[in-house]
Amino acid sequence: MAWSVIQRCGGQMRVGFGGVYALDFGAILLMADAMGAALPLLADLLPRVEPLIVKAYRKESGDGE
């Protein structure tokens, strides 16, 4: 279930003038709760995958690093 949440979290980004800089953990954890996912697992996993997701999003959107 945690992987399903991570696959769906791509739209839950924090964006500033410099582009995407983080995931919105609050929104992701709310979505995870609604999906019945294990919140402690996601709370541990999200900080580990956040840099990878943000980097991929920035590369895809042409924002660079």
PDB file of N, CA and C in Angstrom:
ATOM      1  N   MET A   1       0.824  -1.198   0.000  1.00  0.00           N
ATOM      2  CA  MET A   1       0.000   0.000   0.000  1.00  0.00           C
ATOM      3  C   MET A   1       0.866   1.258   0.000  1.00  0.00           C
ATOM      4  N   ALA A   2       1.996   1.226   0.721  1.00  0.00           N
ATOM      5  CA  ALA A   2       2.874   2.395   0.774  1.00  0.00           C
ATOM      6  C   ALA A   2       3.359   2.771  -0.621  1.00  0.00           C
ATOM      7  N   TRP A   3       3.668   1.761  -1.427  1.00  0.00           N
ATOM      8  CA  TRP A   3       4.134   2.043  -2.786  1.00  0.00           C
ATOM      9  C   TRP A   3       3.038   2.711  -3.613  1.00  0.00           C
ATOM     10  N   SER A   4       1.800   2.321  -3.440  1.00  0.00           N
ATOM     11  CA  SER A   4       0.682   2.953  -4.154  1.00  0.00           C
ATOM     12  C   SER A   4       0.579   4.428  -3.798  1.00  0.00           C
ATOM     13  N   VAL A   5       0.781   4.739  -2.526  1.00  0.00           N
ATOM     14  CA  VAL A   5       0.742   6.147  -2.095  1.00  0.00           C
ATOM     15  C   VAL A   5       1.874   6.916  -2.758  1.00  0.00           C
ATOM     16  N   ILE A   6       3.073   6.367  -2.762  1.00  0.00           N
ATOM     17  CA  ILE A   6       4.224   7.050  -3.354  1.00  0.00           C
ATOM     18  C   ILE A   6       4.010   7.276  -4.843  1.00  0.00           C
ATOM     19  N   GLN A   7       3.424   6.314  -5.526  1.00  0.00           N
ATOM     20  CA  GLN A   7       3.151   6.475  -6.953  1.00  0.00           C
ATOM     21  C   GLN A   7       2.166   7.614  -7.208  1.00  0.00           C
ATOM     22  N   ARG A   8       1.283   7.876  -6.272  1.00  0.00           N
ATOM     23  CA  ARG A   8       0.260   8.906  -6.451  1.00  0.00           C
ATOM     24  C   ARG A   8       0.670  10.267  -5.897  1.00  0.00           C
ATOM     25  N   CYS A   9       1.822  10.367  -5.269  1.00  0.00           N
ATOM     26  CA  CYS A   9       2.186  11.615  -4.589  1.00  0.00           C
ATOM     27  C   CYS A   9       2.863  12.621  -5.501  1.00  0.00           C
ATOM     28  N   GLY A  10       3.044  12.310  -6.767  1.00  0.00           N
ATOM     29  CA  GLY A  10       3.730  13.207  -7.687  1.00  0.00           C
ATOM     30  C   GLY A  10       3.117  14.580  -7.807  1.00  0.00           C
ATOM     31  N   GLY A  11       1.830  14.709  -7.592  1.00  0.00           N
ATOM     32  CA  GLY A  11       1.185  16.011  -7.684  1.00  0.00           C
ATOM     33  C   GLY A  11       1.196  16.790  -6.384  1.00  0.00           C
ATOM     34  N   GLN A  12       1.705  16.181  -5.323  1.00  0.00           N
ATOM     35  CA  GLN A  12       1.708  16.824  -4.009  1.00  0.00           C
ATOM     36  C   GLN A  12       3.075  17.455  -3.761  1.00  0.00           C
ATOM     37  N   MET A  13       3.333  18.535  -4.474  1.00  0.00           N
ATOM     38  CA  MET A  13       4.639  19.180  -4.427  1.00  0.00           C
ATOM     39  C   MET A  13       4.552  20.548  -3.774  1.00  0.00           C
ATOM     40  N   ARG A  14       5.665  20.949  -3.208  1.00  0.00           N
ATOM     41  CA  ARG A  14       5.831  22.322  -2.732  1.00  0.00           C
ATOM     42  C   ARG A  14       6.656  23.030  -3.799  1.00  0.00           C
ATOM     43  N   VAL A  15       6.123  24.150  -4.282  1.00  0.00           N
ATOM     44  CA  VAL A  15       6.745  24.861  -5.394  1.00  0.00           C
ATOM     45  C   VAL A  15       6.931  26.319  -5.011  1.00  0.00           C
ATOM     46  N   GLY A  16       8.109  26.847  -5.337  1.00  0.00           N
ATOM     47  CA  GLY A  16       8.407  28.257  -5.115  1.00  0.00           C
ATOM     48  C   GLY A  16       8.868  28.881  -6.416  1.00  0.00           C
ATOM     49  N   PHE A  17       9.449  30.053  -6.325  1.00  0.00           N
ATOM     50  CA  PHE A  17       9.921  30.738  -7.532  1.00  0.00           C
ATOM     51  C   PHE A  17      11.018  29.960  -8.247  1.00  0.00           C
ATOM     52  N   GLY A  18      11.756  29.144  -7.500  1.00  0.00           N
ATOM     53  CA  GLY A  18      12.811  28.338  -8.093  1.00  0.00           C
ATOM     54  C   GLY A  18      12.334  26.987  -8.595  1.00  0.00           C
ATOM     55  N   GLY A  19      11.042  26.744  -8.548  1.00  0.00           N
ATOM     56  CA  GLY A  19      10.489  25.469  -8.993  1.00  0.00           C
ATOM     57  C   GLY A  19      10.181  24.551  -7.815  1.00  0.00           C
ATOM     58  N   VAL A  20      10.091  23.281  -8.102  1.00  0.00           N
ATOM     59  CA  VAL A  20       9.764  22.275  -7.087  1.00  0.00           C
ATOM     60  C   VAL A  20      10.928  22.162  -6.117  1.00  0.00           C
ATOM     61  N   TYR A  21      10.629  22.180  -4.818  1.00  0.00           N
ATOM     62  CA  TYR A  21      11.693  22.028  -3.831  1.00  0.00           C
ATOM     63  C   TYR A  21      11.402  20.956  -2.781  1.00  0.00           C
ATOM     64  N   ALA A  22      10.173  20.423  -2.725  1.00  0.00           N
ATOM     65  CA  ALA A  22       9.857  19.417  -1.710  1.00  0.00           C
ATOM     66  C   ALA A  22       8.517  18.763  -2.005  1.00  0.00           C
ATOM     67  N   LEU A  23       8.262  17.673  -1.315  1.00  0.00           N
ATOM     68  CA  LEU A  23       6.940  17.054  -1.326  1.00  0.00           C
ATOM     69  C   LEU A  23       6.122  17.662  -0.201  1.00  0.00           C
ATOM     70  N   ASP A  24       4.824  17.690  -0.368  1.00  0.00           N
ATOM     71  CA  ASP A  24       3.925  18.164   0.688  1.00  0.00           C
ATOM     72  C   ASP A  24       3.550  16.959   1.545  1.00  0.00           C
ATOM     73  N   PHE A  25       4.350  16.726   2.595  1.00  0.00           N
ATOM     74  CA  PHE A  25       4.151  15.547   3.430  1.00  0.00           C
ATOM     75  C   PHE A  25       2.761  15.524   4.057  1.00  0.00           C
ATOM     76  N   GLY A  26       2.253  16.678   4.445  1.00  0.00           N
ATOM     77  CA  GLY A  26       0.924  16.723   5.061  1.00  0.00           C
ATOM     78  C   GLY A  26      -0.140  16.182   4.129  1.00  0.00           C
ATOM     79  N   ALA A  27      -0.127  16.637   2.882  1.00  0.00           N
ATOM     80  CA  ALA A  27      -1.104  16.170   1.899  1.00  0.00           C
ATOM     81  C   ALA A  27      -0.916  14.688   1.596  1.00  0.00           C
ATOM     82  N   ILE A  28       0.328  14.257   1.506  1.00  0.00           N
ATOM     83  CA  ILE A  28       0.603  12.846   1.206  1.00  0.00           C
ATOM     84  C   ILE A  28       0.132  11.948   2.346  1.00  0.00           C
ATOM     85  N   LEU A  29       0.391  12.349   3.581  1.00  0.00           N
ATOM     86  CA  LEU A  29      -0.031  11.533   4.717  1.00  0.00           C
ATOM     87  C   LEU A  29      -1.553  11.512   4.860  1.00  0.00           C
ATOM     88  N   LEU A  30      -2.217  12.610   4.516  1.00  0.00           N
ATOM     89  CA  LEU A  30      -3.689  12.603   4.515  1.00  0.00           C
ATOM     90  C   LEU A  30      -4.222  11.636   3.462  1.00  0.00           C
ATOM     91  N   MET A  31      -3.613  11.667   2.282  1.00  0.00           N
ATOM     92  CA  MET A  31      -4.013  10.754   1.214  1.00  0.00           C
ATOM     93  C   MET A  31      -3.753   9.309   1.638  1.00  0.00           C
ATOM     94  N   ALA A  32      -2.594   9.075   2.265  1.00  0.00           N
ATOM     95  CA  ALA A  32      -2.248   7.728   2.725  1.00  0.00           C
ATOM     96  C   ALA A  32      -3.250   7.228   3.757  1.00  0.00           C
ATOM     97  N   ASP A  33      -3.639   8.106   4.670  1.00  0.00           N
ATOM     98  CA  ASP A  33      -4.628   7.729   5.683  1.00  0.00           C
ATOM     99  C   ASP A  33      -5.947   7.354   5.024  1.00  0.00           C
ATOM    100  N   ALA A  34      -6.360   8.130   4.037  1.00  0.00           N
ATOM    101  CA  ALA A  34      -7.609   7.841   3.326  1.00  0.00           C
ATOM    102  C   ALA A  34      -7.530   6.516   2.570  1.00  0.00           C
ATOM    103  N   MET A  35      -6.318   6.163   2.131  1.00  0.00           N
ATOM    104  CA  MET A  35      -6.126   4.910   1.404  1.00  0.00           C
ATOM    105  C   MET A  35      -5.912   3.726   2.343  1.00  0.00           C
ATOM    106  N   GLY A  36      -5.780   3.981   3.643  1.00  0.00           N
ATOM    107  CA  GLY A  36      -5.563   2.903   4.598  1.00  0.00           C
ATOM    108  C   GLY A  36      -4.124   2.421   4.669  1.00  0.00           C
ATOM    109  N   ALA A  37      -3.185   3.266   4.246  1.00  0.00           N
ATOM    110  CA  ALA A  37      -1.771   2.886   4.258  1.00  0.00           C
ATOM    111  C   ALA A  37      -1.190   3.040   5.662  1.00  0.00           C
ATOM    112  N   ALA A  38      -0.082   2.381   5.890  1.00  0.00           N
ATOM    113  CA  ALA A  38       0.608   2.431   7.183  1.00  0.00           C
ATOM    114  C   ALA A  38       1.346   3.764   7.308  1.00  0.00           C
ATOM    115  N   LEU A  39       0.829   4.662   8.125  1.00  0.00           N
ATOM    116  CA  LEU A  39       1.425   5.989   8.268  1.00  0.00           C
ATOM    117  C   LEU A  39       2.831   5.957   8.860  1.00  0.00           C
ATOM    118  N   PRO A  40       3.123   5.125   9.867  1.00  0.00           N
ATOM    119  CA  PRO A  40       4.507   5.091  10.369  1.00  0.00           C
ATOM    120  C   PRO A  40       5.518   4.684   9.288  1.00  0.00           C
ATOM    121  N   LEU A  41       5.144   3.737   8.456  1.00  0.00           N
ATOM    122  CA  LEU A  41       6.029   3.317   7.372  1.00  0.00           C
ATOM    123  C   LEU A  41       6.271   4.475   6.411  1.00  0.00           C
ATOM    124  N   LEU A  42       5.211   5.166   6.032  1.00  0.00           N
ATOM    125  CA  LEU A  42       5.362   6.296   5.111  1.00  0.00           C
ATOM    126  C   LEU A  42       6.146   7.435   5.744  1.00  0.00           C
ATOM    127  N   ALA A  43       5.935   7.691   7.024  1.00  0.00           N
ATOM    128  CA  ALA A  43       6.674   8.751   7.704  1.00  0.00           C
ATOM    129  C   ALA A  43       8.171   8.444   7.682  1.00  0.00           C
ATOM    130  N   ASP A  44       8.529   7.187   7.702  1.00  0.00           N
ATOM    131  CA  ASP A  44       9.934   6.796   7.611  1.00  0.00           C
ATOM    132  C   ASP A  44      10.424   6.810   6.171  1.00  0.00           C
ATOM    133  N   LEU A  45       9.601   6.418   5.252  1.00  0.00           N
ATOM    134  CA  LEU A  45       9.986   6.265   3.852  1.00  0.00           C
ATOM    135  C   LEU A  45      10.033   7.581   3.075  1.00  0.00           C
ATOM    136  N   LEU A  46       9.106   8.485   3.334  1.00  0.00           N
ATOM    137  CA  LEU A  46       9.014   9.715   2.544  1.00  0.00           C
ATOM    138  C   LEU A  46      10.293  10.553   2.533  1.00  0.00           C
ATOM    139  N   PRO A  47      10.943  10.794   3.661  1.00  0.00           N
ATOM    140  CA  PRO A  47      12.176  11.581   3.608  1.00  0.00           C
ATOM    141  C   PRO A  47      13.282  10.920   2.778  1.00  0.00           C
ATOM    142  N   ARG A  48      13.215   9.605   2.664  1.00  0.00           N
ATOM    143  CA  ARG A  48      14.222   8.886   1.885  1.00  0.00           C
ATOM    144  C   ARG A  48      13.970   8.978   0.380  1.00  0.00           C
ATOM    145  N   VAL A  49      12.705   9.006  -0.027  1.00  0.00           N
ATOM    146  CA  VAL A  49      12.403   9.053  -1.460  1.00  0.00           C
ATOM    147  C   VAL A  49      12.170  10.476  -1.957  1.00  0.00           C
ATOM    148  N   GLU A  50      11.940  11.414  -1.055  1.00  0.00           N
ATOM    149  CA  GLU A  50      11.669  12.799  -1.462  1.00  0.00           C
ATOM    150  C   GLU A  50      12.750  13.368  -2.383  1.00  0.00           C
ATOM    151  N   PRO A  51      14.041  13.267  -2.052  1.00  0.00           N
ATOM    152  CA  PRO A  51      15.050  13.849  -2.945  1.00  0.00           C
ATOM    153  C   PRO A  51      15.016  13.243  -4.346  1.00  0.00           C
ATOM    154  N   LEU A  52      14.731  11.955  -4.440  1.00  0.00           N
ATOM    155  CA  LEU A  52      14.674  11.299  -5.748  1.00  0.00           C
ATOM    156  C   LEU A  52      13.488  11.795  -6.570  1.00  0.00           C
ATOM    157  N   ILE A  53      12.338  11.923  -5.925  1.00  0.00           N
ATOM    158  CA  ILE A  53      11.138  12.379  -6.623  1.00  0.00           C
ATOM    159  C   ILE A  53      11.293  13.830  -7.055  1.00  0.00           C
ATOM    160  N   VAL A  54      11.792  14.678  -6.159  1.00  0.00           N
ATOM    161  CA  VAL A  54      11.968  16.100  -6.489  1.00  0.00           C
ATOM    162  C   VAL A  54      12.974  16.258  -7.620  1.00  0.00           C
ATOM    163  N   LYS A  55      14.083  15.536  -7.549  1.00  0.00           N
ATOM    164  CA  LYS A  55      15.097  15.612  -8.607  1.00  0.00           C
ATOM    165  C   LYS A  55      14.525  15.184  -9.951  1.00  0.00           C
ATOM    166  N   ALA A  56      13.767  14.092  -9.964  1.00  0.00           N
ATOM    167  CA  ALA A  56      13.162  13.614 -11.214  1.00  0.00           C
ATOM    168  C   ALA A  56      12.149  14.625 -11.752  1.00  0.00           C
ATOM    169  N   TYR A  57      11.354  15.207 -10.873  1.00  0.00           N
ATOM    170  CA  TYR A  57      10.358  16.176 -11.307  1.00  0.00           C
ATOM    171  C   TYR A  57      11.034  17.410 -11.896  1.00  0.00           C
ATOM    172  N   ARG A  58      12.084  17.902 -11.226  1.00  0.00           N
ATOM    173  CA  ARG A  58      12.797  19.079 -11.714  1.00  0.00           C
ATOM    174  C   ARG A  58      13.449  18.807 -13.063  1.00  0.00           C
ATOM    175  N   LYS A  59      14.028  17.614 -13.222  1.00  0.00           N
ATOM    176  CA  LYS A  59      14.671  17.254 -14.484  1.00  0.00           C
ATOM    177  C   LYS A  59      13.626  17.181 -15.598  1.00  0.00           C
ATOM    178  N   GLU A  60      12.481  16.567 -15.296  1.00  0.00           N
ATOM    179  CA  GLU A  60      11.417  16.413 -16.290  1.00  0.00           C
ATOM    180  C   GLU A  60      10.827  17.755 -16.716  1.00  0.00           C
ATOM    181  N   SER A  61      10.717  18.668 -15.758  1.00  0.00           N
ATOM    182  CA  SER A  61      10.111  19.967 -16.067  1.00  0.00           C
ATOM    183  C   SER A  61      11.122  20.981 -16.578  1.00  0.00           C
ATOM    184  N   GLY A  62      12.403  20.595 -16.627  1.00  0.00           N
ATOM    185  CA  GLY A  62      13.427  21.485 -17.157  1.00  0.00           C
ATOM    186  C   GLY A  62      13.911  22.530 -16.169  1.00  0.00           C
ATOM    187  N   ASP A  63      13.622  22.344 -14.883  1.00  0.00           N
ATOM    188  CA  ASP A  63      14.053  23.315 -13.872  1.00  0.00           C
ATOM    189  C   ASP A  63      15.518  23.162 -13.512  1.00  0.00           C
ATOM    190  N   GLY A  64      16.151  22.077 -13.917  1.00  0.00           N
ATOM    191  CA  GLY A  64      17.552  21.851 -13.570  1.00  0.00           C
ATOM    192  C   GLY A  64      17.699  21.458 -12.121  1.00  0.00           C
ATOM    193  N   GLU A  65      18.853  21.764 -11.552  1.00  0.00           N
ATOM    194  CA  GLU A  65      19.113  21.421 -10.142  1.00  0.00           C
ATOM    195  C   GLU A  65      19.472  22.614  -9.363  1.00  0.00           C
TER     196      GLU A  65
END
